[in-house]
Amino acid sequence: MNSADAECRSTTSQSNFVELLPPEVTCKIFSQLDIQSLCRASETCWSWHRTIRNNDALWKPYCLTARAVCQREIDNDIKSGYTWKVILLRNYQKSKVKHEWLSGRYSNIRSPASLPEKLMCPMDADTWGEILDAELGREVEKSQ
């Protein structure tokens, strides 16, 4: 390594708060980000990626938010011993789609061709059962 490389490395190190601050402080800073910003921050540099990837506490609040819609799925993943980050990766998209279904957004869709393809994701039979129960409940409410 030449002196220019060493100087560049030193400057980078001095401007990278993840390497300068205690881990508790960097965790607090990263915990203030929304999920999209957190994912983007993890792509900033290797030390940020490593810090965010390895800090399960950063992912837990997002899992608990997704749990409001996917309680059974997330509880099963917790019992299986998955990390919060893996649980989020396994359930985030499903929680978004399931929330849309349960809120009635797709109640007026009459064929698979009408579904927004980009927003869909695979769901198990129990999840479809929950969605069908919600749809039937809406139909009962309409008829009363």
C-alpha atoms as a PDB file:
ATOM      1  CA  MET A   1       0.000   0.000   0.000  1.00  0.00           C
ATOM      2  CA  ASN A   2       1.391   3.407  -0.926  1.00  0.00           C
ATOM      3  CA  SER A   3       1.020   6.650   1.066  1.00  0.00           C
ATOM      4  CA  ALA A   4      -1.922   7.873  -1.076  1.00  0.00           C
ATOM      5  CA  ASP A   5      -3.858   4.676  -0.320  1.00  0.00           C
ATOM      6  CA  ALA A   6      -3.082   4.985   3.381  1.00  0.00           C
ATOM      7  CA  GLU A   7      -4.201   8.641   3.424  1.00  0.00           C
ATOM      8  CA  CYS A   8      -7.425   7.813   1.569  1.00  0.00           C
ATOM      9  CA  ARG A   9      -8.148   4.975   3.978  1.00  0.00           C
ATOM     10  CA  SER A  10      -7.478   7.254   6.971  1.00  0.00           C
ATOM     11  CA  THR A  11      -9.798   9.984   5.618  1.00  0.00           C
ATOM     12  CA  THR A  12     -12.553   7.459   4.938  1.00  0.00           C
ATOM     13  CA  SER A  13     -12.187   6.036   8.439  1.00  0.00           C
ATOM     14  CA  GLN A  14     -12.415   9.481  10.029  1.00  0.00           C
ATOM     15  CA  SER A  15     -15.624  10.352   8.165  1.00  0.00           C
ATOM     16  CA  ASN A  16     -17.344   7.011   8.873  1.00  0.00           C
ATOM     17  CA  PHE A  17     -19.279   7.441  12.113  1.00  0.00           C
ATOM     18  CA  VAL A  18     -19.923   3.689  12.314  1.00  0.00           C
ATOM     19  CA  GLU A  19     -16.230   3.127  12.896  1.00  0.00           C
ATOM     20  CA  LEU A  20     -15.868   6.118  15.238  1.00  0.00           C
ATOM     21  CA  LEU A  21     -18.904   5.859  17.537  1.00  0.00           C
ATOM     22  CA  PRO A  22     -19.776   3.161  20.060  1.00  0.00           C
ATOM     23  CA  PRO A  23     -22.045   0.422  18.639  1.00  0.00           C
ATOM     24  CA  GLU A  24     -24.964   1.510  20.873  1.00  0.00           C
ATOM     25  CA  VAL A  25     -24.879   4.998  19.346  1.00  0.00           C
ATOM     26  CA  THR A  26     -24.705   3.783  15.752  1.00  0.00           C
ATOM     27  CA  CYS A  27     -27.590   1.405  16.499  1.00  0.00           C
ATOM     28  CA  LYS A  28     -29.636   4.335  17.835  1.00  0.00           C
ATOM     29  CA  ILE A  29     -28.872   6.372  14.708  1.00  0.00           C
ATOM     30  CA  PHE A  30     -29.791   3.537  12.345  1.00  0.00           C
ATOM     31  CA  SER A  31     -32.938   2.744  14.348  1.00  0.00           C
ATOM     32  CA  GLN A  32     -34.319   6.168  13.392  1.00  0.00           C
ATOM     33  CA  LEU A  33     -34.463   5.170   9.708  1.00  0.00           C
ATOM     34  CA  ASP A  34     -37.501   3.778   7.961  1.00  0.00           C
ATOM     35  CA  ILE A  35     -37.090   0.357   6.395  1.00  0.00           C
ATOM     36  CA  GLN A  36     -36.324   1.645   2.896  1.00  0.00           C
ATOM     37  CA  SER A  37     -33.660   4.038   4.214  1.00  0.00           C
ATOM     38  CA  LEU A  38     -32.190   1.302   6.415  1.00  0.00           C
ATOM     39  CA  CYS A  39     -31.833  -0.993   3.400  1.00  0.00           C
ATOM     40  CA  ARG A  40     -30.236   1.814   1.387  1.00  0.00           C
ATOM     41  CA  ALA A  41     -27.871   2.657   4.243  1.00  0.00           C
ATOM     42  CA  SER A  42     -26.733  -0.969   4.319  1.00  0.00           C
ATOM     43  CA  GLU A  43     -25.582  -0.503   0.709  1.00  0.00           C
ATOM     44  CA  THR A  44     -23.512   2.610   1.493  1.00  0.00           C
ATOM     45  CA  CYS A  45     -20.282   0.891   2.437  1.00  0.00           C
ATOM     46  CA  TRP A  46     -19.005  -2.370   3.850  1.00  0.00           C
ATOM     47  CA  SER A  47     -18.871  -1.226   7.498  1.00  0.00           C
ATOM     48  CA  TRP A  48     -22.448   0.114   7.380  1.00  0.00           C
ATOM     49  CA  HIS A  49     -23.620  -3.072   5.676  1.00  0.00           C
ATOM     50  CA  ARG A  50     -21.933  -5.256   8.287  1.00  0.00           C
ATOM     51  CA  THR A  51     -23.285  -3.155  11.166  1.00  0.00           C
ATOM     52  CA  ILE A  52     -26.867  -3.131   9.872  1.00  0.00           C
ATOM     53  CA  ARG A  53     -26.876  -6.756   8.728  1.00  0.00           C
ATOM     54  CA  ASN A  54     -25.536  -8.039  12.038  1.00  0.00           C
ATOM     55  CA  ASN A  55     -27.794  -5.959  14.304  1.00  0.00           C
ATOM     56  CA  ASP A  56     -30.977  -7.951  14.777  1.00  0.00           C
ATOM     57  CA  ALA A  57     -32.472  -5.220  16.995  1.00  0.00           C
ATOM     58  CA  LEU A  58     -32.739  -2.941  13.953  1.00  0.00           C
ATOM     59  CA  TRP A  59     -35.019  -5.415  12.164  1.00  0.00           C
ATOM     60  CA  LYS A  60     -37.261  -6.392  15.084  1.00  0.00           C
ATOM     61  CA  PRO A  61     -39.580  -3.315  15.034  1.00  0.00           C
ATOM     62  CA  TYR A  62     -40.342  -3.895  11.349  1.00  0.00           C
ATOM     63  CA  CYS A  63     -41.120  -7.550  12.056  1.00  0.00           C
ATOM     64  CA  LEU A  64     -43.486  -6.564  14.823  1.00  0.00           C
ATOM     65  CA  THR A  65     -45.251  -4.153  12.463  1.00  0.00           C
ATOM     66  CA  ALA A  66     -45.601  -6.914   9.857  1.00  0.00           C
ATOM     67  CA  ARG A  67     -46.814  -9.226  12.644  1.00  0.00           C
ATOM     68  CA  ALA A  68     -49.979  -7.123  12.935  1.00  0.00           C
ATOM     69  CA  VAL A  69     -50.997  -8.664   9.602  1.00  0.00           C
ATOM     70  CA  CYS A  70     -48.974 -11.894   9.542  1.00  0.00           C
ATOM     71  CA  GLN A  71     -49.127 -13.004  13.170  1.00  0.00           C
ATOM     72  CA  ARG A  72     -49.273 -16.745  12.492  1.00  0.00           C
ATOM     73  CA  GLU A  73     -46.448 -16.649   9.950  1.00  0.00           C
ATOM     74  CA  ILE A  74     -44.115 -14.524  12.070  1.00  0.00           C
ATOM     75  CA  ASP A  75     -44.841 -16.453  15.267  1.00  0.00           C
ATOM     76  CA  ASN A  76     -43.989 -19.679  13.429  1.00  0.00           C
ATOM     77  CA  ASP A  77     -40.723 -18.160  12.194  1.00  0.00           C
ATOM     78  CA  ILE A  78     -39.854 -17.010  15.724  1.00  0.00           C
ATOM     79  CA  LYS A  79     -40.484 -20.546  17.024  1.00  0.00           C
ATOM     80  CA  SER A  80     -38.278 -21.887  14.217  1.00  0.00           C
ATOM     81  CA  GLY A  81     -35.405 -19.717  15.455  1.00  0.00           C
ATOM     82  CA  TYR A  82     -35.013 -17.374  12.496  1.00  0.00           C
ATOM     83  CA  THR A  83     -33.314 -14.023  13.095  1.00  0.00           C
ATOM     84  CA  TRP A  84     -35.458 -10.887  12.937  1.00  0.00           C
ATOM     85  CA  LYS A  85     -33.862  -9.927   9.633  1.00  0.00           C
ATOM     86  CA  VAL A  86     -34.644 -13.312   8.065  1.00  0.00           C
ATOM     87  CA  ILE A  87     -38.186 -13.177   9.461  1.00  0.00           C
ATOM     88  CA  LEU A  88     -38.633  -9.776   7.857  1.00  0.00           C
ATOM     89  CA  LEU A  89     -37.233 -10.987   4.533  1.00  0.00           C
ATOM     90  CA  ARG A  90     -39.593 -13.973   4.634  1.00  0.00           C
ATOM     91  CA  ASN A  91     -42.716 -11.979   5.518  1.00  0.00           C
ATOM     92  CA  TYR A  92     -42.435  -8.303   4.537  1.00  0.00           C
ATOM     93  CA  GLN A  93     -43.884  -8.546   1.026  1.00  0.00           C
ATOM     94  CA  LYS A  94     -46.518 -11.017   2.176  1.00  0.00           C
ATOM     95  CA  SER A  95     -47.604  -8.647   4.962  1.00  0.00           C
ATOM     96  CA  LYS A  96     -48.043  -5.813   2.444  1.00  0.00           C
ATOM     97  CA  VAL A  97     -50.104  -7.961   0.055  1.00  0.00           C
ATOM     98  CA  LYS A  98     -52.096  -9.592   2.846  1.00  0.00           C
ATOM     99  CA  HIS A  99     -52.901  -6.175   4.331  1.00  0.00           C
ATOM    100  CA  GLU A 100     -54.206  -5.021   0.941  1.00  0.00           C
ATOM    101  CA  TRP A 101     -56.383  -8.131   0.616  1.00  0.00           C
ATOM    102  CA  LEU A 102     -57.704  -7.938   4.181  1.00  0.00           C
ATOM    103  CA  SER A 103     -58.524  -4.241   3.854  1.00  0.00           C
ATOM    104  CA  GLY A 104     -60.700  -5.009   0.822  1.00  0.00           C
ATOM    105  CA  ARG A 105     -58.535  -3.408  -1.835  1.00  0.00           C
ATOM    106  CA  TYR A 106     -58.960  -6.391  -4.141  1.00  0.00           C
ATOM    107  CA  SER A 107     -62.619  -7.156  -3.312  1.00  0.00           C
ATOM    108  CA  ASN A 108     -63.790  -5.938  -6.710  1.00  0.00           C
ATOM    109  CA  ILE A 109     -61.368  -8.090  -8.724  1.00  0.00           C
ATOM    110  CA  ARG A 110     -63.191 -10.793 -10.623  1.00  0.00           C
ATOM    111  CA  SER A 111     -60.379 -12.647 -12.404  1.00  0.00           C
ATOM    112  CA  PRO A 112     -56.676 -13.406 -11.923  1.00  0.00           C
ATOM    113  CA  ALA A 113     -55.895 -11.278 -14.977  1.00  0.00           C
ATOM    114  CA  SER A 114     -57.098  -8.212 -13.055  1.00  0.00           C
ATOM    115  CA  LEU A 115     -54.593  -8.665 -10.232  1.00  0.00           C
ATOM    116  CA  PRO A 116     -51.609  -6.283 -10.143  1.00  0.00           C
ATOM    117  CA  GLU A 117     -48.829  -8.774 -10.896  1.00  0.00           C
ATOM    118  CA  LYS A 118     -45.989  -6.759  -9.353  1.00  0.00           C
ATOM    119  CA  LEU A 119     -47.716  -6.596  -5.979  1.00  0.00           C
ATOM    120  CA  MET A 120     -48.590 -10.268  -5.634  1.00  0.00           C
ATOM    121  CA  CYS A 121     -46.535 -12.920  -3.865  1.00  0.00           C
ATOM    122  CA  PRO A 122     -47.010 -16.601  -3.008  1.00  0.00           C
ATOM    123  CA  MET A 123     -49.190 -17.276   0.048  1.00  0.00           C
ATOM    124  CA  ASP A 124     -50.027 -20.508   1.842  1.00  0.00           C
ATOM    125  CA  ALA A 125     -53.482 -22.065   2.235  1.00  0.00           C
ATOM    126  CA  ASP A 126     -53.964 -20.688   5.755  1.00  0.00           C
ATOM    127  CA  THR A 127     -53.311 -17.141   4.520  1.00  0.00           C
ATOM    128  CA  TRP A 128     -55.801 -17.582   1.693  1.00  0.00           C
ATOM    129  CA  GLY A 129     -58.286 -18.899   4.253  1.00  0.00           C
ATOM    130  CA  GLU A 130     -57.897 -15.705   6.288  1.00  0.00           C
ATOM    131  CA  ILE A 131     -58.409 -13.609   3.164  1.00  0.00           C
ATOM    132  CA  LEU A 132     -61.504 -15.581   2.126  1.00  0.00           C
ATOM    133  CA  ASP A 133     -62.960 -15.217   5.641  1.00  0.00           C
ATOM    134  CA  ALA A 134     -62.461 -11.450   5.405  1.00  0.00           C
ATOM    135  CA  GLU A 135     -64.107 -11.357   1.965  1.00  0.00           C
ATOM    136  CA  LEU A 136     -67.058 -13.423   3.183  1.00  0.00           C
ATOM    137  CA  GLY A 137     -67.402 -11.097   6.168  1.00  0.00           C
ATOM    138  CA  ARG A 138     -67.552  -8.113   3.810  1.00  0.00           C
ATOM    139  CA  GLU A 139     -70.235  -9.824   1.717  1.00  0.00           C
ATOM    140  CA  VAL A 140     -72.310 -10.545   4.823  1.00  0.00           C
ATOM    141  CA  GLU A 141     -72.010  -6.902   5.913  1.00  0.00           C
ATOM    142  CA  LYS A 142     -73.123  -5.701   2.467  1.00  0.00           C
ATOM    143  CA  SER A 143     -76.202  -7.902   2.502  1.00  0.00           C
ATOM    144  CA  GLN A 144     -77.373  -6.686   5.904  1.00  0.00           C
END
